[in-house]
Every structure is written in C-alpha cells, then in structure tokens.
Amino acid sequence: MGKTLRRWLGRLLIAWLLLSIVPVALLRFIDPPTWSWRLARDIAPPAAISHVSQQWRPLSQISPQLQLAVIASEDQRFPEHFGFDFKQIGSALAEAKKGEGLRGASTISQQTAKNLFMWPSRSFVRKGLEAWFTLLLELGWPKKRILEVYLNIVEFGPGIYGAEAAAQHYFQTSAAKLTSYQAAALAAILPNPWKLKLGTSYNQQRTAWIQRQMRQLGQVTLKQLD
C-alpha cells in the first residue's frame, strides 16, 4: 500500500509540474488568446458588462510612459526583485499592526500570474498557487515579457482589458501615443478598476503622485529591464 501510494503521489506531482510548467513555457512565446481572470469575469462579473474590448500590442507599441507609470504605481522595485518584494510586504504588515489596515503588496509579476492562471478569491490556496506561478514566470520569462503580458491583460475597467483598449476607451488614442499624464491617469485606476474613475478628485491626486514617482524613477528604470 505504501509503495502504491508513493507511486501515485509521484505521478500526481509530475502531472502537476507538467500542467503548470508547460503553459508558462509556451506563453513566453505565444500571446494568450484568453486567461483565467477574464474567463471568471465573463462567468460572474461584479456588475453588468456592456462591452468587452482587448487588442494585443507588443511592448514596442505601448508607450514607455505607460510602462513607467505602472511600475511607479504598482511595483517600483520590479526591475530588481525576483517576483516578490519582501520589503513592501514587511511595510504592509507593519502598517497593519499599527491598525492602518492591510494594503496589497503584490508585484507586477504576481499580478500577471494571478490574471493568467487564478480566479477571484482571497483563499490561502489561491495565494499559494499564485506564488508558484509567479516563481515560474520569473524563472522562465524576461522582465520585459512579464511587463508586456501584464499590460495586455490587466483590467482598466469593466470589460476593458489591456493598454490599447484602455487608451482608445478613455483617451481616443493608441497605447503607443499615451502622454505622461494619460499614462499616469490610467495607472491610477489599476488598484480597483471597477470602482475608480478618471476625473475624480482621488484620481487626480493619485495621477499627480504617480507622475512625481515617474520623474524620480526616470527612463533608466525601463533600461534596467534589459
């Protein structure tokens, strides 16, 4: 019985490794036609979606301003860490102990893994799987590929996926032509794209803060991705 159990556990482990590693390896070179988070939204959206828009664009056709804006807004140590920003995690836990509430500390790599492979949930199982896929992305993909996929699948509003759809929807322009202000304004809604809106007082304050961070980080941050 013990040998049989170990044999089946070994087979399950191999099957799991193949089911997780193979898709990650393929998606380094193949643009995903859909992804788990989008499917979950299609099945059970938080509110009604009138229209779904998404057009894939290579990173070369996405404004460097938007690339820098999402790094400034979501993950300033993105070029340096290996998928997990333990400094930010420590800061978030320290703030929570002071009673300030637990804020998110997910990196762009984690968010990419979540959007590609996970479902809307806050369970420890999902977080564990997210961590595993984040590690696979960091091991198998260059930083630029992680950023490219993230910018093409992240939600910018109900039914609005990716930089190109967001640029057209909010500013009637292409992702390649986004200005610094427009890029910062889009990045400002990423924490909660179903509730945060452009033009609100919060969005304007957040946009100004992101632009200041962009100036401090500079284009050298994008060069570090190489």
C-alpha atoms as a PDB file:
ATOM      1  CA  MET A   1       0.000   0.000   0.000  1.00  0.00           C
ATOM      2  CA  GLY A   2       2.794   2.408   0.891  1.00  0.00           C
ATOM      3  CA  LYS A   3       4.616   1.832  -2.388  1.00  0.00           C
ATOM      4  CA  THR A   4       1.401   2.239  -4.363  1.00  0.00           C
ATOM      5  CA  LEU A   5       0.574   5.476  -2.578  1.00  0.00           C
ATOM      6  CA  ARG A   6       4.060   6.876  -3.177  1.00  0.00           C
ATOM      7  CA  ARG A   7       3.865   5.894  -6.831  1.00  0.00           C
ATOM      8  CA  TRP A   8       0.537   7.671  -7.305  1.00  0.00           C
ATOM      9  CA  LEU A   9       1.752  10.726  -5.409  1.00  0.00           C
ATOM     10  CA  GLY A  10       4.797  10.811  -7.673  1.00  0.00           C
ATOM     11  CA  ARG A  11       2.600  10.632 -10.745  1.00  0.00           C
ATOM     12  CA  LEU A  12       0.374  13.408  -9.441  1.00  0.00           C
ATOM     13  CA  LEU A  13       3.430  15.560  -8.764  1.00  0.00           C
ATOM     14  CA  ILE A  14       4.773  15.008 -12.266  1.00  0.00           C
ATOM     15  CA  ALA A  15       1.357  15.739 -13.769  1.00  0.00           C
ATOM     16  CA  TRP A  16       1.090  18.958 -11.754  1.00  0.00           C
ATOM     17  CA  LEU A  17       4.554  20.078 -12.802  1.00  0.00           C
ATOM     18  CA  LEU A  18       3.722  19.452 -16.460  1.00  0.00           C
ATOM     19  CA  LEU A  19       0.324  21.176 -16.212  1.00  0.00           C
ATOM     20  CA  SER A  20       1.914  24.282 -14.714  1.00  0.00           C
ATOM     21  CA  ILE A  21       5.342  24.473 -16.348  1.00  0.00           C
ATOM     22  CA  VAL A  22       4.277  23.729 -19.936  1.00  0.00           C
ATOM     23  CA  PRO A  23       1.717  26.589 -20.205  1.00  0.00           C
ATOM     24  CA  VAL A  24       4.190  29.049 -18.699  1.00  0.00           C
ATOM     25  CA  ALA A  25       6.885  27.928 -21.145  1.00  0.00           C
ATOM     26  CA  LEU A  26       4.528  28.246 -24.124  1.00  0.00           C
ATOM     27  CA  LEU A  27       3.211  31.658 -23.088  1.00  0.00           C
ATOM     28  CA  ARG A  28       6.712  33.083 -23.123  1.00  0.00           C
ATOM     29  CA  PHE A  29       6.426  32.979 -26.921  1.00  0.00           C
ATOM     30  CA  ILE A  30       2.661  32.748 -27.584  1.00  0.00           C
ATOM     31  CA  ASP A  31       0.276  35.577 -26.727  1.00  0.00           C
ATOM     32  CA  PRO A  32      -2.600  34.151 -24.658  1.00  0.00           C
ATOM     33  CA  PRO A  33      -5.949  34.172 -26.515  1.00  0.00           C
ATOM     34  CA  THR A  34      -7.700  34.356 -23.135  1.00  0.00           C
ATOM     35  CA  TRP A  35      -6.815  33.967 -19.450  1.00  0.00           C
ATOM     36  CA  SER A  36      -8.362  32.780 -16.206  1.00  0.00           C
ATOM     37  CA  TRP A  37      -9.269  36.171 -14.750  1.00  0.00           C
ATOM     38  CA  ARG A  38     -11.085  37.237 -17.899  1.00  0.00           C
ATOM     39  CA  LEU A  39     -12.997  33.939 -18.019  1.00  0.00           C
ATOM     40  CA  ALA A  40     -14.013  34.392 -14.388  1.00  0.00           C
ATOM     41  CA  ARG A  41     -15.261  37.901 -15.158  1.00  0.00           C
ATOM     42  CA  ASP A  42     -17.246  36.566 -18.132  1.00  0.00           C
ATOM     43  CA  ILE A  43     -18.901  33.935 -15.940  1.00  0.00           C
ATOM     44  CA  ALA A  44     -19.543  36.025 -12.817  1.00  0.00           C
ATOM     45  CA  PRO A  45     -18.855  39.758 -13.301  1.00  0.00           C
ATOM     46  CA  PRO A  46     -19.175  42.041 -10.239  1.00  0.00           C
ATOM     47  CA  ALA A  47     -21.612  44.138 -12.293  1.00  0.00           C
ATOM     48  CA  ALA A  48     -23.080  44.186 -15.775  1.00  0.00           C
ATOM     49  CA  ILE A  49     -20.581  44.490 -18.647  1.00  0.00           C
ATOM     50  CA  SER A  50     -21.943  46.174 -21.747  1.00  0.00           C
ATOM     51  CA  HIS A  51     -18.923  45.627 -23.973  1.00  0.00           C
ATOM     52  CA  VAL A  52     -15.609  43.761 -23.866  1.00  0.00           C
ATOM     53  CA  SER A  53     -12.559  45.232 -25.595  1.00  0.00           C
ATOM     54  CA  GLN A  54      -8.996  43.956 -25.883  1.00  0.00           C
ATOM     55  CA  GLN A  55      -6.377  44.303 -28.622  1.00  0.00           C
ATOM     56  CA  TRP A  56      -2.955  42.789 -28.134  1.00  0.00           C
ATOM     57  CA  ARG A  57       0.038  45.060 -28.643  1.00  0.00           C
ATOM     58  CA  PRO A  58       3.751  44.183 -28.377  1.00  0.00           C
ATOM     59  CA  LEU A  59       5.676  46.151 -25.789  1.00  0.00           C
ATOM     60  CA  SER A  60       7.297  48.213 -28.550  1.00  0.00           C
ATOM     61  CA  GLN A  61       3.828  49.578 -29.409  1.00  0.00           C
ATOM     62  CA  ILE A  62       2.944  50.534 -25.835  1.00  0.00           C
ATOM     63  CA  SER A  63       4.080  53.977 -24.711  1.00  0.00           C
ATOM     64  CA  PRO A  64       7.156  53.929 -22.464  1.00  0.00           C
ATOM     65  CA  GLN A  65       5.214  56.436 -20.372  1.00  0.00           C
ATOM     66  CA  LEU A  66       2.614  53.771 -19.529  1.00  0.00           C
ATOM     67  CA  GLN A  67       5.287  51.174 -18.887  1.00  0.00           C
ATOM     68  CA  LEU A  68       6.928  53.534 -16.428  1.00  0.00           C
ATOM     69  CA  ALA A  69       3.597  54.615 -14.928  1.00  0.00           C
ATOM     70  CA  VAL A  70       2.521  51.105 -13.937  1.00  0.00           C
ATOM     71  CA  ILE A  71       5.941  50.422 -12.430  1.00  0.00           C
ATOM     72  CA  ALA A  72       5.773  53.706 -10.492  1.00  0.00           C
ATOM     73  CA  SER A  73       2.247  52.952  -9.346  1.00  0.00           C
ATOM     74  CA  GLU A  74       2.241  49.198  -8.761  1.00  0.00           C
ATOM     75  CA  ASP A  75       5.787  47.932  -8.267  1.00  0.00           C
ATOM     76  CA  GLN A  76       8.739  50.314  -8.136  1.00  0.00           C
ATOM     77  CA  ARG A  77      11.214  47.511  -7.423  1.00  0.00           C
ATOM     78  CA  PHE A  78      10.035  45.457 -10.414  1.00  0.00           C
ATOM     79  CA  PRO A  79      13.412  45.537 -12.230  1.00  0.00           C
ATOM     80  CA  GLU A  80      15.218  44.376  -9.080  1.00  0.00           C
ATOM     81  CA  HIS A  81      13.170  41.711  -7.284  1.00  0.00           C
ATOM     82  CA  PHE A  82      12.588  38.077  -8.180  1.00  0.00           C
ATOM     83  CA  GLY A  83       8.802  38.171  -8.183  1.00  0.00           C
ATOM     84  CA  PHE A  84       8.258  39.044  -4.522  1.00  0.00           C
ATOM     85  CA  ASP A  85       9.006  42.404  -2.911  1.00  0.00           C
ATOM     86  CA  PHE A  86       9.676  41.398   0.678  1.00  0.00           C
ATOM     87  CA  LYS A  87      10.462  44.987   1.622  1.00  0.00           C
ATOM     88  CA  GLN A  88       6.955  46.086   0.618  1.00  0.00           C
ATOM     89  CA  ILE A  89       5.413  43.018   2.255  1.00  0.00           C
ATOM     90  CA  GLY A  90       7.187  43.929   5.504  1.00  0.00           C
ATOM     91  CA  SER A  91       6.000  47.528   5.266  1.00  0.00           C
ATOM     92  CA  ALA A  92       2.410  46.414   4.647  1.00  0.00           C
ATOM     93  CA  LEU A  93       2.473  44.084   7.664  1.00  0.00           C
ATOM     94  CA  ALA A  94       3.978  46.812   9.861  1.00  0.00           C
ATOM     95  CA  GLU A  95       1.213  49.213   8.833  1.00  0.00           C
ATOM     96  CA  ALA A  96      -1.401  46.552   9.550  1.00  0.00           C
ATOM     97  CA  LYS A  97      -0.024  46.056  13.065  1.00  0.00           C
ATOM     98  CA  LYS A  98      -0.449  49.791  13.661  1.00  0.00           C
ATOM     99  CA  GLY A  99      -4.122  49.478  12.780  1.00  0.00           C
ATOM    100  CA  GLU A 100      -3.832  51.136   9.378  1.00  0.00           C
ATOM    101  CA  GLY A 101      -5.377  48.176   7.551  1.00  0.00           C
ATOM    102  CA  LEU A 102      -3.677  45.594   5.384  1.00  0.00           C
ATOM    103  CA  ARG A 103      -2.826  47.010   1.974  1.00  0.00           C
ATOM    104  CA  GLY A 104      -1.795  44.974  -1.016  1.00  0.00           C
ATOM    105  CA  ALA A 105       1.879  44.424  -1.784  1.00  0.00           C
ATOM    106  CA  SER A 106       1.588  42.334  -4.940  1.00  0.00           C
ATOM    107  CA  THR A 107       4.263  42.812  -7.558  1.00  0.00           C
ATOM    108  CA  ILE A 108       3.627  43.103 -11.288  1.00  0.00           C
ATOM    109  CA  SER A 109       4.877  39.513 -11.597  1.00  0.00           C
ATOM    110  CA  GLN A 110       2.337  38.338  -9.025  1.00  0.00           C
ATOM    111  CA  GLN A 111      -0.466  40.252 -10.693  1.00  0.00           C
ATOM    112  CA  THR A 112       0.457  38.765 -14.066  1.00  0.00           C
ATOM    113  CA  ALA A 113       0.399  35.254 -12.592  1.00  0.00           C
ATOM    114  CA  LYS A 114      -2.936  35.997 -10.910  1.00  0.00           C
ATOM    115  CA  ASN A 115      -4.552  37.334 -14.079  1.00  0.00           C
ATOM    116  CA  LEU A 116      -3.267  34.486 -16.253  1.00  0.00           C
ATOM    117  CA  PHE A 117      -3.933  31.488 -14.041  1.00  0.00           C
ATOM    118  CA  MET A 118      -6.017  32.397 -10.973  1.00  0.00           C
ATOM    119  CA  TRP A 119      -9.595  33.229 -10.087  1.00  0.00           C
ATOM    120  CA  PRO A 120     -11.142  35.967  -7.876  1.00  0.00           C
ATOM    121  CA  SER A 121     -10.601  34.668  -4.355  1.00  0.00           C
ATOM    122  CA  ARG A 122      -8.671  35.528  -1.213  1.00  0.00           C
ATOM    123  CA  SER A 123      -8.022  31.978  -0.053  1.00  0.00           C
ATOM    124  CA  PHE A 124      -4.610  30.717   1.031  1.00  0.00           C
ATOM    125  CA  VAL A 125      -4.817  28.035  -1.669  1.00  0.00           C
ATOM    126  CA  ARG A 126      -5.098  30.671  -4.374  1.00  0.00           C
ATOM    127  CA  LYS A 127      -2.274  32.735  -2.898  1.00  0.00           C
ATOM    128  CA  GLY A 128      -0.082  29.636  -2.759  1.00  0.00           C
ATOM    129  CA  LEU A 129      -0.771  28.781  -6.392  1.00  0.00           C
ATOM    130  CA  GLU A 130      -0.197  32.417  -7.345  1.00  0.00           C
ATOM    131  CA  ALA A 131       3.210  32.315  -5.650  1.00  0.00           C
ATOM    132  CA  TRP A 132       4.126  29.127  -7.539  1.00  0.00           C
ATOM    133  CA  PHE A 133       3.186  30.585 -10.923  1.00  0.00           C
ATOM    134  CA  THR A 134       4.968  33.835 -10.049  1.00  0.00           C
ATOM    135  CA  LEU A 135       8.145  31.854  -9.448  1.00  0.00           C
ATOM    136  CA  LEU A 136       7.723  30.060 -12.773  1.00  0.00           C
ATOM    137  CA  LEU A 137       7.265  33.361 -14.615  1.00  0.00           C
ATOM    138  CA  GLU A 138      10.389  34.832 -13.054  1.00  0.00           C
ATOM    139  CA  LEU A 139      12.401  31.705 -13.848  1.00  0.00           C
ATOM    140  CA  GLY A 140      11.181  31.347 -17.419  1.00  0.00           C
ATOM    141  CA  TRP A 141      10.390  34.836 -18.710  1.00  0.00           C
ATOM    142  CA  PRO A 142      12.452  38.005 -19.118  1.00  0.00           C
ATOM    143  CA  LYS A 143      11.129  41.035 -17.254  1.00  0.00           C
ATOM    144  CA  LYS A 144      10.037  42.687 -20.488  1.00  0.00           C
ATOM    145  CA  ARG A 145       7.810  39.725 -21.358  1.00  0.00           C
ATOM    146  CA  ILE A 146       6.202  39.838 -17.914  1.00  0.00           C
ATOM    147  CA  LEU A 147       5.506  43.555 -18.342  1.00  0.00           C
ATOM    148  CA  GLU A 148       4.221  43.050 -21.902  1.00  0.00           C
ATOM    149  CA  VAL A 149       1.730  40.369 -20.873  1.00  0.00           C
ATOM    150  CA  TYR A 150       0.661  42.349 -17.817  1.00  0.00           C
ATOM    151  CA  LEU A 151      -0.077  45.466 -19.862  1.00  0.00           C
ATOM    152  CA  ASN A 152      -2.121  43.465 -22.356  1.00  0.00           C
ATOM    153  CA  ILE A 153      -4.365  41.561 -19.935  1.00  0.00           C
ATOM    154  CA  VAL A 154      -4.785  43.815 -16.894  1.00  0.00           C
ATOM    155  CA  GLU A 155      -8.247  45.305 -16.300  1.00  0.00           C
ATOM    156  CA  PHE A 156      -8.615  49.054 -16.800  1.00  0.00           C
ATOM    157  CA  GLY A 157     -12.359  48.986 -16.207  1.00  0.00           C
ATOM    158  CA  PRO A 158     -15.386  46.710 -16.726  1.00  0.00           C
ATOM    159  CA  GLY A 159     -14.682  44.799 -19.931  1.00  0.00           C
ATOM    160  CA  ILE A 160     -11.599  46.903 -20.756  1.00  0.00           C
ATOM    161  CA  TYR A 161      -8.520  44.712 -20.943  1.00  0.00           C
ATOM    162  CA  GLY A 162      -5.055  45.905 -21.804  1.00  0.00           C
ATOM    163  CA  ALA A 163      -3.300  49.129 -22.701  1.00  0.00           C
ATOM    164  CA  GLU A 164      -4.663  49.505 -26.239  1.00  0.00           C
ATOM    165  CA  ALA A 165      -8.320  49.097 -25.241  1.00  0.00           C
ATOM    166  CA  ALA A 166      -7.832  51.491 -22.311  1.00  0.00           C
ATOM    167  CA  ALA A 167      -6.128  54.154 -24.441  1.00  0.00           C
ATOM    168  CA  GLN A 168      -8.895  54.032 -27.020  1.00  0.00           C
ATOM    169  CA  HIS A 169     -11.714  53.954 -24.459  1.00  0.00           C
ATOM    170  CA  TYR A 170     -10.536  56.760 -22.184  1.00  0.00           C
ATOM    171  CA  PHE A 171      -8.488  58.997 -24.486  1.00  0.00           C
ATOM    172  CA  GLN A 172      -9.414  58.027 -28.073  1.00  0.00           C
ATOM    173  CA  THR A 173      -5.794  57.367 -28.915  1.00  0.00           C
ATOM    174  CA  SER A 174      -3.480  54.383 -29.263  1.00  0.00           C
ATOM    175  CA  ALA A 175      -1.402  52.843 -26.499  1.00  0.00           C
ATOM    176  CA  ALA A 176       1.722  53.964 -28.356  1.00  0.00           C
ATOM    177  CA  LYS A 177       0.744  57.652 -28.158  1.00  0.00           C
ATOM    178  CA  LEU A 178      -0.201  57.953 -24.491  1.00  0.00           C
ATOM    179  CA  THR A 179       1.291  61.002 -22.780  1.00  0.00           C
ATOM    180  CA  SER A 180       2.806  61.052 -19.320  1.00  0.00           C
ATOM    181  CA  TYR A 181      -0.407  62.429 -17.813  1.00  0.00           C
ATOM    182  CA  GLN A 182      -2.652  59.955 -19.634  1.00  0.00           C
ATOM    183  CA  ALA A 183      -0.432  57.033 -18.650  1.00  0.00           C
ATOM    184  CA  ALA A 184      -0.420  58.104 -15.001  1.00  0.00           C
ATOM    185  CA  ALA A 185      -4.209  58.565 -15.038  1.00  0.00           C
ATOM    186  CA  LEU A 186      -4.663  55.017 -16.351  1.00  0.00           C
ATOM    187  CA  ALA A 187      -2.246  53.591 -13.805  1.00  0.00           C
ATOM    188  CA  ALA A 188      -4.155  55.397 -11.052  1.00  0.00           C
ATOM    189  CA  ILE A 189      -7.262  53.262 -11.603  1.00  0.00           C
ATOM    190  CA  LEU A 190      -5.469  49.895 -11.544  1.00  0.00           C
ATOM    191  CA  PRO A 191      -5.918  49.200  -7.808  1.00  0.00           C
ATOM    192  CA  ASN A 192      -9.697  48.963  -8.333  1.00  0.00           C
ATOM    193  CA  PRO A 193     -10.685  49.431 -11.995  1.00  0.00           C
ATOM    194  CA  TRP A 194     -14.333  48.583 -11.327  1.00  0.00           C
ATOM    195  CA  LYS A 195     -14.773  51.479  -8.892  1.00  0.00           C
ATOM    196  CA  LEU A 196     -12.081  54.084  -9.560  1.00  0.00           C
ATOM    197  CA  LYS A 197     -12.884  56.575 -12.297  1.00  0.00           C
ATOM    198  CA  LEU A 198     -10.911  59.105 -14.316  1.00  0.00           C
ATOM    199  CA  GLY A 199     -11.534  62.748 -13.474  1.00  0.00           C
ATOM    200  CA  THR A 200     -12.410  62.245  -9.811  1.00  0.00           C
ATOM    201  CA  SER A 201     -10.552  64.127  -7.085  1.00  0.00           C
ATOM    202  CA  TYR A 202      -8.897  60.899  -5.929  1.00  0.00           C
ATOM    203  CA  ASN A 203      -7.791  60.030  -9.466  1.00  0.00           C
ATOM    204  CA  GLN A 204      -6.297  63.474  -9.998  1.00  0.00           C
ATOM    205  CA  GLN A 205      -4.348  63.320  -6.724  1.00  0.00           C
ATOM    206  CA  ARG A 206      -3.184  59.799  -7.472  1.00  0.00           C
ATOM    207  CA  THR A 207      -2.219  60.790 -11.030  1.00  0.00           C
ATOM    208  CA  ALA A 208      -0.092  63.675  -9.749  1.00  0.00           C
ATOM    209  CA  TRP A 209       1.642  61.376  -7.259  1.00  0.00           C
ATOM    210  CA  ILE A 210       2.387  58.786  -9.973  1.00  0.00           C
ATOM    211  CA  GLN A 211       3.832  61.466 -12.257  1.00  0.00           C
ATOM    212  CA  ARG A 212       6.169  62.578  -9.468  1.00  0.00           C
ATOM    213  CA  GLN A 213       7.281  58.973  -8.982  1.00  0.00           C
ATOM    214  CA  MET A 214       7.807  58.607 -12.724  1.00  0.00           C
ATOM    215  CA  ARG A 215      10.114  61.620 -12.771  1.00  0.00           C
ATOM    216  CA  GLN A 216      12.103  60.231  -9.843  1.00  0.00           C
ATOM    217  CA  LEU A 217      12.449  56.774 -11.377  1.00  0.00           C
ATOM    218  CA  GLY A 218      13.254  58.064 -14.875  1.00  0.00           C
ATOM    219  CA  GLN A 219      13.597  56.122 -18.111  1.00  0.00           C
ATOM    220  CA  VAL A 220      16.667  54.380 -16.682  1.00  0.00           C
ATOM    221  CA  THR A 221      14.177  52.158 -14.829  1.00  0.00           C
ATOM    222  CA  LEU A 222      12.958  50.752 -18.143  1.00  0.00           C
ATOM    223  CA  LYS A 223      16.527  50.213 -19.324  1.00  0.00           C
ATOM    224  CA  GLN A 224      17.099  48.048 -16.241  1.00  0.00           C
ATOM    225  CA  LEU A 225      14.568  45.565 -17.611  1.00  0.00           C
ATOM    226  CA  ASP A 226      17.114  44.559 -20.246  1.00  0.00           C
END
